[in-house]
C-alpha atoms as a PDB file:
ATOM      1  CA  ASN A   1      16.732  52.188-174.944  1.00  0.00           C
ATOM      2  CA  CYS A   2      14.398  53.543-177.615  1.00  0.00           C
ATOM      3  CA  GLY A   3      16.452  56.713-177.972  1.00  0.00           C
ATOM      4  CA  ALA A   4      19.609  54.766-178.804  1.00  0.00           C
ATOM      5  CA  ILE A   5      18.168  52.741-181.680  1.00  0.00           C
ATOM      6  CA  PRO A   6      18.793  54.367-185.074  1.00  0.00           C
ATOM      7  CA  GLY A   7      15.525  55.173-186.862  1.00  0.00           C
ATOM      8  CA  GLU A   8      16.165  52.754-189.702  1.00  0.00           C
ATOM      9  CA  LEU A   9      16.685  49.852-187.260  1.00  0.00           C
ATOM     10  CA  ILE A  10      13.799  50.391-184.834  1.00  0.00           C
ATOM     11  CA  GLU A  11      11.382  48.018-186.544  1.00  0.00           C
ATOM     12  CA  SER A  12      13.988  45.278-186.855  1.00  0.00           C
ATOM     13  CA  GLU A  13      15.096  45.681-183.226  1.00  0.00           C
ATOM     14  CA  LEU A  14      11.586  45.694-181.776  1.00  0.00           C
ATOM     15  CA  PHE A  15       9.875  43.178-184.067  1.00  0.00           C
ATOM     16  CA  GLY A  16      12.693  41.171-185.680  1.00  0.00           C
ATOM     17  CA  HIS A  17      13.363  40.356-189.315  1.00  0.00           C
ATOM     18  CA  GLU A  18      13.439  37.465-191.751  1.00  0.00           C
ATOM     19  CA  LYS A  19      16.423  36.341-193.788  1.00  0.00           C
ATOM     20  CA  GLY A  20      16.771  38.630-196.806  1.00  0.00           C
ATOM     21  CA  ALA A  21      14.548  41.402-195.409  1.00  0.00           C
ATOM     22  CA  PHE A  22      17.402  43.828-196.078  1.00  0.00           C
ATOM     23  CA  THR A  23      20.988  43.697-197.315  1.00  0.00           C
ATOM     24  CA  ASP A  24      22.683  42.365-194.165  1.00  0.00           C
ATOM     25  CA  ALA A  25      19.813  40.132-193.001  1.00  0.00           C
ATOM     26  CA  LYS A  26      21.636  36.837-193.521  1.00  0.00           C
ATOM     27  CA  GLN A  27      19.470  34.926-191.032  1.00  0.00           C
ATOM     28  CA  PRO A  28      16.150  35.417-189.242  1.00  0.00           C
ATOM     29  CA  ARG A  29      16.312  37.321-185.960  1.00  0.00           C
ATOM     30  CA  LYS A  30      13.836  37.690-183.108  1.00  0.00           C
ATOM     31  CA  GLY A  31      13.014  41.218-182.052  1.00  0.00           C
ATOM     32  CA  TYR A  32      12.671  42.417-178.470  1.00  0.00           C
ATOM     33  CA  PHE A  33       8.926  41.679-178.424  1.00  0.00           C
ATOM     34  CA  GLU A  34       9.347  38.102-179.542  1.00  0.00           C
ATOM     35  CA  ALA A  35      12.274  37.553-177.176  1.00  0.00           C
ATOM     36  CA  ALA A  36      10.170  38.860-174.270  1.00  0.00           C
ATOM     37  CA  ASP A  37       7.159  36.662-175.104  1.00  0.00           C
ATOM     38  CA  GLY A  38       5.620  35.456-171.846  1.00  0.00           C
ATOM     39  CA  GLY A  39       7.509  38.076-169.856  1.00  0.00           C
ATOM     40  CA  THR A  40       8.180  41.773-169.498  1.00  0.00           C
ATOM     41  CA  LEU A  41       9.721  44.218-171.964  1.00  0.00           C
ATOM     42  CA  PHE A  42      11.180  47.446-170.556  1.00  0.00           C
ATOM     43  CA  LEU A  43      11.127  50.282-173.089  1.00  0.00           C
ATOM     44  CA  ASP A  44      13.406  53.015-171.773  1.00  0.00           C
ATOM     45  CA  GLU A  45      13.210  56.540-173.245  1.00  0.00           C
ATOM     46  CA  LEU A  46       9.887  55.750-174.921  1.00  0.00           C
ATOM     47  CA  GLY A  47       9.338  59.436-175.667  1.00  0.00           C
ATOM     48  CA  GLU A  48      12.247  59.345-178.136  1.00  0.00           C
ATOM     49  CA  LEU A  49      10.479  56.976-180.555  1.00  0.00           C
ATOM     50  CA  PRO A  50       9.758  58.610-183.920  1.00  0.00           C
ATOM     51  CA  GLY A  51       6.175  58.752-185.195  1.00  0.00           C
ATOM     52  CA  PRO A  52       6.304  55.777-187.603  1.00  0.00           C
ATOM     53  CA  ALA A  53       7.705  53.542-184.859  1.00  0.00           C
ATOM     54  CA  GLN A  54       4.944  54.708-182.507  1.00  0.00           C
ATOM     55  CA  VAL A  55       2.333  53.509-185.023  1.00  0.00           C
ATOM     56  CA  LYS A  56       3.933  50.058-185.223  1.00  0.00           C
ATOM     57  CA  LEU A  57       4.334  49.875-181.450  1.00  0.00           C
ATOM     58  CA  LEU A  58       0.657  50.764-181.003  1.00  0.00           C
ATOM     59  CA  ARG A  59      -0.342  47.926-183.311  1.00  0.00           C
ATOM     60  CA  ALA A  60       1.884  45.449-181.465  1.00  0.00           C
ATOM     61  CA  VAL A  61       0.476  46.475-178.092  1.00  0.00           C
ATOM     62  CA  GLN A  62      -3.126  46.621-179.271  1.00  0.00           C
ATOM     63  CA  GLU A  63      -3.173  43.389-181.281  1.00  0.00           C
ATOM     64  CA  GLY A  64      -0.718  41.377-179.192  1.00  0.00           C
ATOM     65  CA  GLU A  65       1.194  40.442-182.315  1.00  0.00           C
ATOM     66  CA  VAL A  66       4.204  41.521-184.340  1.00  0.00           C
ATOM     67  CA  VAL A  67       5.237  41.121-187.930  1.00  0.00           C
ATOM     68  CA  ARG A  68       8.932  40.634-188.551  1.00  0.00           C
ATOM     69  CA  LEU A  69      10.448  42.724-191.308  1.00  0.00           C
ATOM     70  CA  GLY A  70      10.181  40.720-194.518  1.00  0.00           C
ATOM     71  CA  ALA A  71       7.433  38.459-193.152  1.00  0.00           C
ATOM     72  CA  THR A  72       3.768  38.337-194.075  1.00  0.00           C
ATOM     73  CA  LYS A  73       2.353  36.415-191.119  1.00  0.00           C
ATOM     74  CA  PRO A  74       1.986  38.007-187.695  1.00  0.00           C
ATOM     75  CA  LEU A  75       3.381  36.274-184.612  1.00  0.00           C
ATOM     76  CA  LYS A  76       1.345  36.304-181.396  1.00  0.00           C
ATOM     77  CA  VAL A  77       3.222  37.695-178.402  1.00  0.00           C
ATOM     78  CA  ASP A  78       2.185  38.003-174.782  1.00  0.00           C
ATOM     79  CA  VAL A  79       4.301  40.801-173.377  1.00  0.00           C
ATOM     80  CA  ARG A  80       3.846  43.057-170.368  1.00  0.00           C
ATOM     81  CA  ILE A  81       5.335  46.454-171.146  1.00  0.00           C
ATOM     82  CA  ILE A  82       6.989  48.783-168.686  1.00  0.00           C
ATOM     83  CA  ALA A  83       8.022  52.074-170.226  1.00  0.00           C
ATOM     84  CA  ALA A  84       9.966  55.064-168.959  1.00  0.00           C
ATOM     85  CA  THR A  85      10.760  58.473-170.329  1.00  0.00           C
ATOM     86  CA  ASN A  86      12.248  61.715-169.124  1.00  0.00           C
ATOM     87  CA  ARG A  87       9.648  63.611-171.151  1.00  0.00           C
ATOM     88  CA  THR A  88       6.171  64.613-170.023  1.00  0.00           C
ATOM     89  CA  LEU A  89       4.153  62.647-172.546  1.00  0.00           C
ATOM     90  CA  THR A  90       0.976  64.670-172.078  1.00  0.00           C
ATOM     91  CA  GLU A  91       2.949  67.743-173.191  1.00  0.00           C
ATOM     92  CA  GLU A  92       4.429  65.753-176.083  1.00  0.00           C
ATOM     93  CA  ILE A  93       0.902  64.747-177.134  1.00  0.00           C
ATOM     94  CA  ALA A  94      -0.252  68.381-177.053  1.00  0.00           C
ATOM     95  CA  ALA A  95       2.773  69.332-179.197  1.00  0.00           C
ATOM     96  CA  GLY A  96       1.968  66.551-181.705  1.00  0.00           C
ATOM     97  CA  LYS A  97       5.167  64.628-180.916  1.00  0.00           C
ATOM     98  CA  PHE A  98       3.648  61.560-179.269  1.00  0.00           C
ATOM     99  CA  ARG A  99       0.555  59.555-180.210  1.00  0.00           C
ATOM    100  CA  GLU A 100      -2.312  59.987-177.786  1.00  0.00           C
ATOM    101  CA  ASP A 101      -3.737  56.543-178.557  1.00  0.00           C
ATOM    102  CA  LEU A 102      -0.393  54.902-177.796  1.00  0.00           C
ATOM    103  CA  PHE A 103      -0.105  56.830-174.536  1.00  0.00           C
ATOM    104  CA  TYR A 104      -3.529  55.666-173.352  1.00  0.00           C
ATOM    105  CA  ARG A 105      -2.817  52.101-174.470  1.00  0.00           C
ATOM    106  CA  LEU A 106       0.347  52.031-172.345  1.00  0.00           C
ATOM    107  CA  ALA A 107      -0.749  54.244-169.437  1.00  0.00           C
ATOM    108  CA  VAL A 108      -2.468  51.565-167.382  1.00  0.00           C
ATOM    109  CA  ALA A 109      -0.565  52.623-164.269  1.00  0.00           C
ATOM    110  CA  VAL A 110       1.489  55.816-164.376  1.00  0.00           C
ATOM    111  CA  LEU A 111       4.174  56.636-161.850  1.00  0.00           C
ATOM    112  CA  LYS A 112       5.435  60.191-162.026  1.00  0.00           C
ATOM    113  CA  ILE A 113       8.715  60.433-160.189  1.00  0.00           C
ATOM    114  CA  PRO A 114       9.666  64.035-159.513  1.00  0.00           C
ATOM    115  CA  PRO A 115      13.224  65.156-160.216  1.00  0.00           C
ATOM    116  CA  LEU A 116      15.744  64.562-157.465  1.00  0.00           C
ATOM    117  CA  ARG A 117      15.887  68.293-156.652  1.00  0.00           C
ATOM    118  CA  GLU A 118      12.208  68.101-155.644  1.00  0.00           C
ATOM    119  CA  ARG A 119      12.737  65.219-153.204  1.00  0.00           C
ATOM    120  CA  PRO A 120      15.582  66.238-150.926  1.00  0.00           C
ATOM    121  CA  GLY A 121      14.483  63.652-148.360  1.00  0.00           C
ATOM    122  CA  ASP A 122      15.596  60.900-150.725  1.00  0.00           C
ATOM    123  CA  LEU A 123      19.137  62.212-151.131  1.00  0.00           C
ATOM    124  CA  GLY A 124      20.704  60.759-147.991  1.00  0.00           C
ATOM    125  CA  VAL A 125      19.412  57.244-148.713  1.00  0.00           C
ATOM    126  CA  LEU A 126      20.400  57.469-152.388  1.00  0.00           C
ATOM    127  CA  VAL A 127      23.890  58.762-151.569  1.00  0.00           C
ATOM    128  CA  ASP A 128      24.463  55.846-149.183  1.00  0.00           C
ATOM    129  CA  HIS A 129      23.081  53.266-151.621  1.00  0.00           C
ATOM    130  CA  LEU A 130      25.021  54.607-154.601  1.00  0.00           C
ATOM    131  CA  LEU A 131      28.283  54.921-152.668  1.00  0.00           C
ATOM    132  CA  ASP A 132      27.857  51.279-151.582  1.00  0.00           C
ATOM    133  CA  HIS A 133      27.351  50.432-155.269  1.00  0.00           C
ATOM    134  CA  VAL A 134      30.510  52.352-156.254  1.00  0.00           C
ATOM    135  CA  ASN A 135      32.492  50.585-153.516  1.00  0.00           C
ATOM    136  CA  ARG A 136      31.264  47.119-154.585  1.00  0.00           C
ATOM    137  CA  GLU A 137      32.004  47.797-158.271  1.00  0.00           C
ATOM    138  CA  ALA A 138      35.527  49.059-157.537  1.00  0.00           C
ATOM    139  CA  ALA A 139      36.427  46.507-154.849  1.00  0.00           C
ATOM    140  CA  ALA A 140      38.324  44.300-157.318  1.00  0.00           C
ATOM    141  CA  GLU A 141      40.409  47.204-158.660  1.00  0.00           C
ATOM    142  CA  PRO A 142      44.061  47.099-157.552  1.00  0.00           C
ATOM    143  CA  GLY A 143      44.715  49.434-154.641  1.00  0.00           C
ATOM    144  CA  TYR A 144      41.108  50.538-154.242  1.00  0.00           C
ATOM    145  CA  ARG A 145      40.073  51.356-150.692  1.00  0.00           C
ATOM    146  CA  GLU A 146      36.441  51.510-149.632  1.00  0.00           C
ATOM    147  CA  LYS A 147      35.273  55.113-149.510  1.00  0.00           C
ATOM    148  CA  LYS A 148      33.216  56.958-146.922  1.00  0.00           C
ATOM    149  CA  LEU A 149      31.894  60.512-147.137  1.00  0.00           C
ATOM    150  CA  SER A 150      33.026  63.253-144.794  1.00  0.00           C
ATOM    151  CA  ALA A 151      30.248  65.357-143.228  1.00  0.00           C
ATOM    152  CA  GLY A 152      31.254  68.288-145.444  1.00  0.00           C
ATOM    153  CA  ALA A 153      31.069  66.194-148.633  1.00  0.00           C
ATOM    154  CA  ARG A 154      27.663  64.818-147.615  1.00  0.00           C
ATOM    155  CA  ASN A 155      26.404  68.373-146.989  1.00  0.00           C
ATOM    156  CA  LEU A 156      27.595  69.474-150.451  1.00  0.00           C
ATOM    157  CA  LEU A 157      25.850  66.522-152.091  1.00  0.00           C
ATOM    158  CA  VAL A 158      22.591  67.163-150.239  1.00  0.00           C
ATOM    159  CA  ALA A 159      22.669  70.901-151.076  1.00  0.00           C
ATOM    160  CA  HIS A 160      23.187  70.393-154.844  1.00  0.00           C
ATOM    161  CA  ALA A 161      20.128  70.692-157.181  1.00  0.00           C
ATOM    162  CA  TRP A 162      21.047  67.573-159.255  1.00  0.00           C
ATOM    163  CA  PRO A 163      19.736  68.600-162.673  1.00  0.00           C
ATOM    164  CA  GLY A 164      21.016  65.272-164.044  1.00  0.00           C
ATOM    165  CA  ASN A 165      19.127  63.381-161.353  1.00  0.00           C
ATOM    166  CA  VAL A 166      20.319  59.977-160.084  1.00  0.00           C
ATOM    167  CA  ARG A 167      22.739  59.367-162.982  1.00  0.00           C
ATOM    168  CA  GLU A 168      24.527  62.630-162.207  1.00  0.00           C
ATOM    169  CA  LEU A 169      24.687  61.685-158.523  1.00  0.00           C
ATOM    170  CA  LEU A 170      26.131  58.251-159.334  1.00  0.00           C
ATOM    171  CA  ASN A 171      28.739  59.711-161.694  1.00  0.00           C
ATOM    172  CA  THR A 172      29.703  62.345-159.127  1.00  0.00           C
ATOM    173  CA  LEU A 173      30.211  59.701-156.449  1.00  0.00           C
ATOM    174  CA  THR A 174      32.191  57.513-158.862  1.00  0.00           C
ATOM    175  CA  ARG A 175      34.451  60.418-159.804  1.00  0.00           C
ATOM    176  CA  ALA A 176      34.924  61.380-156.160  1.00  0.00           C
ATOM    177  CA  ALA A 177      35.832  57.794-155.244  1.00  0.00           C
ATOM    178  CA  ILE A 178      38.348  57.580-158.085  1.00  0.00           C
ATOM    179  CA  TRP A 179      40.031  60.883-157.316  1.00  0.00           C
ATOM    180  CA  SER A 180      40.176  60.657-153.526  1.00  0.00           C
ATOM    181  CA  ASP A 181      43.450  59.219-152.264  1.00  0.00           C
ATOM    182  CA  GLY A 182      42.307  58.182-148.835  1.00  0.00           C
ATOM    183  CA  ALA A 183      39.315  56.328-147.493  1.00  0.00           C
ATOM    184  CA  ALA A 184      37.381  59.556-146.905  1.00  0.00           C
ATOM    185  CA  ILE A 185      35.840  61.650-149.667  1.00  0.00           C
ATOM    186  CA  SER A 186      36.010  65.192-148.450  1.00  0.00           C
END
């Protein structure tokens, strides 16, 4: 999660560091790129990366190599990158908040998934899938009973605009399952 990494740790997290690179660097550490070598690295909330980190990410993607903090020699990495963001990167580019060259380096195949409120046909399937998930996760809890939705509850869920998208839907179903006494969420 690129948005959750503090700015001063981004380079170390993504590219690793050598022993002594900074005060608490007591031993060498692989970064996410090196750990994903030969595989796939998922960069969530890519749009949250600050400018200096975008420059270093561009170099890693473009050259296929990383330099650990405190090192002088680059390490070759073969990493497929999948990135996601809740921002519209073309708007971020126009506003000067995201590097255009990085966008085009990463944008080999772009999937734009509209917000949940714009795809009401998906709601029924998502509600069923997420409620199954909630039931499986809670099955081991003492006294938990598998939950089903009443027709009225399903209608309320389908009618809601879901500004928080799928995460909001999942949290709503989890809360409803926790707070409903019986097997039916009404």
